[in-house]
């Protein structure tokens, strides 16, 4: 129940935060495209997460799937951040 509350708070803060901050990192002419890309990636994650979890759970177990997926995300996050980091020149 505690983790469900943490998830709810994180979604309540993170979902609108990504949409509002995308305007700060994108040039004004690219803001509509950047906002659309954020919506597309969020929807894609909601589509792919259950599919990937299902395949992993069938191959291994639900416990392993729920351990492997967050570890994979946490390992990939710094590389994704570095890829999209706005460079100050």
C-alpha atoms as a PDB file:
ATOM      1  CA  UNK A   1       0.000   0.000   0.000  1.00  0.00           C
ATOM      2  CA  UNK A   2       2.899   2.336   0.770  1.00  0.00           C
ATOM      3  CA  UNK A   3       4.443   1.766  -2.655  1.00  0.00           C
ATOM      4  CA  UNK A   4       1.063   2.401  -4.260  1.00  0.00           C
ATOM      5  CA  UNK A   5       0.931   5.768  -2.508  1.00  0.00           C
ATOM      6  CA  UNK A   6       4.476   6.569  -3.643  1.00  0.00           C
ATOM      7  CA  UNK A   7       3.506   5.650  -7.210  1.00  0.00           C
ATOM      8  CA  UNK A   8       0.413   7.860  -7.028  1.00  0.00           C
ATOM      9  CA  UNK A   9       2.353  10.856  -5.728  1.00  0.00           C
ATOM     10  CA  UNK A  10       5.098  10.341  -8.321  1.00  0.00           C
ATOM     11  CA  UNK A  11       2.583  10.121 -11.168  1.00  0.00           C
ATOM     12  CA  UNK A  12       0.678  13.108  -9.832  1.00  0.00           C
ATOM     13  CA  UNK A  13       3.841  15.194  -9.801  1.00  0.00           C
ATOM     14  CA  UNK A  14       5.824  13.684 -12.663  1.00  0.00           C
ATOM     15  CA  UNK A  15       3.163  13.491 -15.356  1.00  0.00           C
ATOM     16  CA  UNK A  16       2.256  17.208 -15.411  1.00  0.00           C
ATOM     17  CA  UNK A  17       5.844  18.162 -14.622  1.00  0.00           C
ATOM     18  CA  UNK A  18       7.176  16.543 -17.802  1.00  0.00           C
ATOM     19  CA  UNK A  19       4.537  18.270 -19.884  1.00  0.00           C
ATOM     20  CA  UNK A  20       5.129  21.682 -18.345  1.00  0.00           C
ATOM     21  CA  UNK A  21       8.921  21.554 -18.409  1.00  0.00           C
ATOM     22  CA  UNK A  22       9.187  20.404 -22.015  1.00  0.00           C
ATOM     23  CA  UNK A  23       8.529  24.001 -23.049  1.00  0.00           C
ATOM     24  CA  UNK A  24      11.634  25.132 -21.183  1.00  0.00           C
ATOM     25  CA  UNK A  25      13.996  22.751 -22.928  1.00  0.00           C
ATOM     26  CA  UNK A  26      12.631  23.053 -26.464  1.00  0.00           C
ATOM     27  CA  UNK A  27      12.945  26.023 -28.762  1.00  0.00           C
ATOM     28  CA  UNK A  28       9.693  27.913 -29.253  1.00  0.00           C
ATOM     29  CA  UNK A  29       9.238  26.670 -32.818  1.00  0.00           C
ATOM     30  CA  UNK A  30       9.734  23.054 -31.677  1.00  0.00           C
ATOM     31  CA  UNK A  31       7.497  23.122 -28.577  1.00  0.00           C
ATOM     32  CA  UNK A  32       4.440  21.554 -30.256  1.00  0.00           C
ATOM     33  CA  UNK A  33       6.588  18.710 -31.615  1.00  0.00           C
ATOM     34  CA  UNK A  34       8.347  18.215 -28.276  1.00  0.00           C
ATOM     35  CA  UNK A  35       5.033  18.119 -26.393  1.00  0.00           C
ATOM     36  CA  UNK A  36       3.649  15.607 -28.892  1.00  0.00           C
ATOM     37  CA  UNK A  37       6.773  13.487 -28.489  1.00  0.00           C
ATOM     38  CA  UNK A  38       6.381  13.484 -24.689  1.00  0.00           C
ATOM     39  CA  UNK A  39       2.747  12.362 -25.015  1.00  0.00           C
ATOM     40  CA  UNK A  40       3.741   9.691 -27.538  1.00  0.00           C
ATOM     41  CA  UNK A  41       6.542   8.311 -25.356  1.00  0.00           C
ATOM     42  CA  UNK A  42       4.318   8.239 -22.253  1.00  0.00           C
ATOM     43  CA  UNK A  43       1.600   6.378 -24.157  1.00  0.00           C
ATOM     44  CA  UNK A  44       4.192   4.013 -25.585  1.00  0.00           C
ATOM     45  CA  UNK A  45       5.464   3.230 -22.108  1.00  0.00           C
ATOM     46  CA  UNK A  46       1.952   2.465 -20.897  1.00  0.00           C
ATOM     47  CA  UNK A  47       1.525   0.119 -23.857  1.00  0.00           C
ATOM     48  CA  UNK A  48       4.899  -1.625 -23.679  1.00  0.00           C
ATOM     49  CA  UNK A  49       5.205  -2.051 -19.910  1.00  0.00           C
ATOM     50  CA  UNK A  50       2.471  -4.699 -19.528  1.00  0.00           C
ATOM     51  CA  UNK A  51       3.657  -6.542 -22.640  1.00  0.00           C
ATOM     52  CA  UNK A  52       7.273  -6.702 -21.445  1.00  0.00           C
ATOM     53  CA  UNK A  53       6.178  -7.611 -17.923  1.00  0.00           C
ATOM     54  CA  UNK A  54       3.982 -10.394 -19.289  1.00  0.00           C
ATOM     55  CA  UNK A  55       6.767 -11.904 -21.379  1.00  0.00           C
ATOM     56  CA  UNK A  56       9.239 -11.749 -18.502  1.00  0.00           C
ATOM     57  CA  UNK A  57       6.700 -13.196 -16.068  1.00  0.00           C
ATOM     58  CA  UNK A  58       5.946 -16.063 -18.424  1.00  0.00           C
ATOM     59  CA  UNK A  59       9.647 -16.808 -18.921  1.00  0.00           C
ATOM     60  CA  UNK A  60      10.799 -16.242 -15.330  1.00  0.00           C
ATOM     61  CA  UNK A  61       8.243 -15.177 -12.715  1.00  0.00           C
ATOM     62  CA  UNK A  62       6.311 -12.064 -11.753  1.00  0.00           C
ATOM     63  CA  UNK A  63       8.749 -11.402  -8.932  1.00  0.00           C
ATOM     64  CA  UNK A  64      11.712 -11.518 -11.302  1.00  0.00           C
ATOM     65  CA  UNK A  65       9.894  -9.338 -13.832  1.00  0.00           C
ATOM     66  CA  UNK A  66       9.112  -6.693 -11.219  1.00  0.00           C
ATOM     67  CA  UNK A  67      12.761  -6.719 -10.132  1.00  0.00           C
ATOM     68  CA  UNK A  68      14.369  -6.751 -13.594  1.00  0.00           C
ATOM     69  CA  UNK A  69      12.305  -3.940 -15.135  1.00  0.00           C
ATOM     70  CA  UNK A  70      13.031  -1.218 -12.517  1.00  0.00           C
ATOM     71  CA  UNK A  71      16.716  -2.166 -12.397  1.00  0.00           C
ATOM     72  CA  UNK A  72      16.901  -1.905 -16.187  1.00  0.00           C
ATOM     73  CA  UNK A  73      15.164   1.489 -16.113  1.00  0.00           C
ATOM     74  CA  UNK A  74      17.474   2.820 -13.409  1.00  0.00           C
ATOM     75  CA  UNK A  75      20.543   1.638 -15.326  1.00  0.00           C
ATOM     76  CA  UNK A  76      19.344   3.236 -18.580  1.00  0.00           C
ATOM     77  CA  UNK A  77      18.158   6.530 -17.056  1.00  0.00           C
ATOM     78  CA  UNK A  78      21.611   8.211 -16.792  1.00  0.00           C
ATOM     79  CA  UNK A  79      22.355   7.392 -20.433  1.00  0.00           C
ATOM     80  CA  UNK A  80      19.009   8.769 -21.595  1.00  0.00           C
ATOM     81  CA  UNK A  81      19.540  11.874 -19.477  1.00  0.00           C
ATOM     82  CA  UNK A  82      22.985  12.374 -20.971  1.00  0.00           C
ATOM     83  CA  UNK A  83      21.594  11.895 -24.472  1.00  0.00           C
ATOM     84  CA  UNK A  84      18.934  14.587 -24.071  1.00  0.00           C
ATOM     85  CA  UNK A  85      20.791  16.928 -21.729  1.00  0.00           C
ATOM     86  CA  UNK A  86      20.739  20.516 -22.922  1.00  0.00           C
ATOM     87  CA  UNK A  87      24.326  21.629 -23.427  1.00  0.00           C
ATOM     88  CA  UNK A  88      25.214  25.183 -22.466  1.00  0.00           C
ATOM     89  CA  UNK A  89      27.711  26.644 -24.880  1.00  0.00           C
END
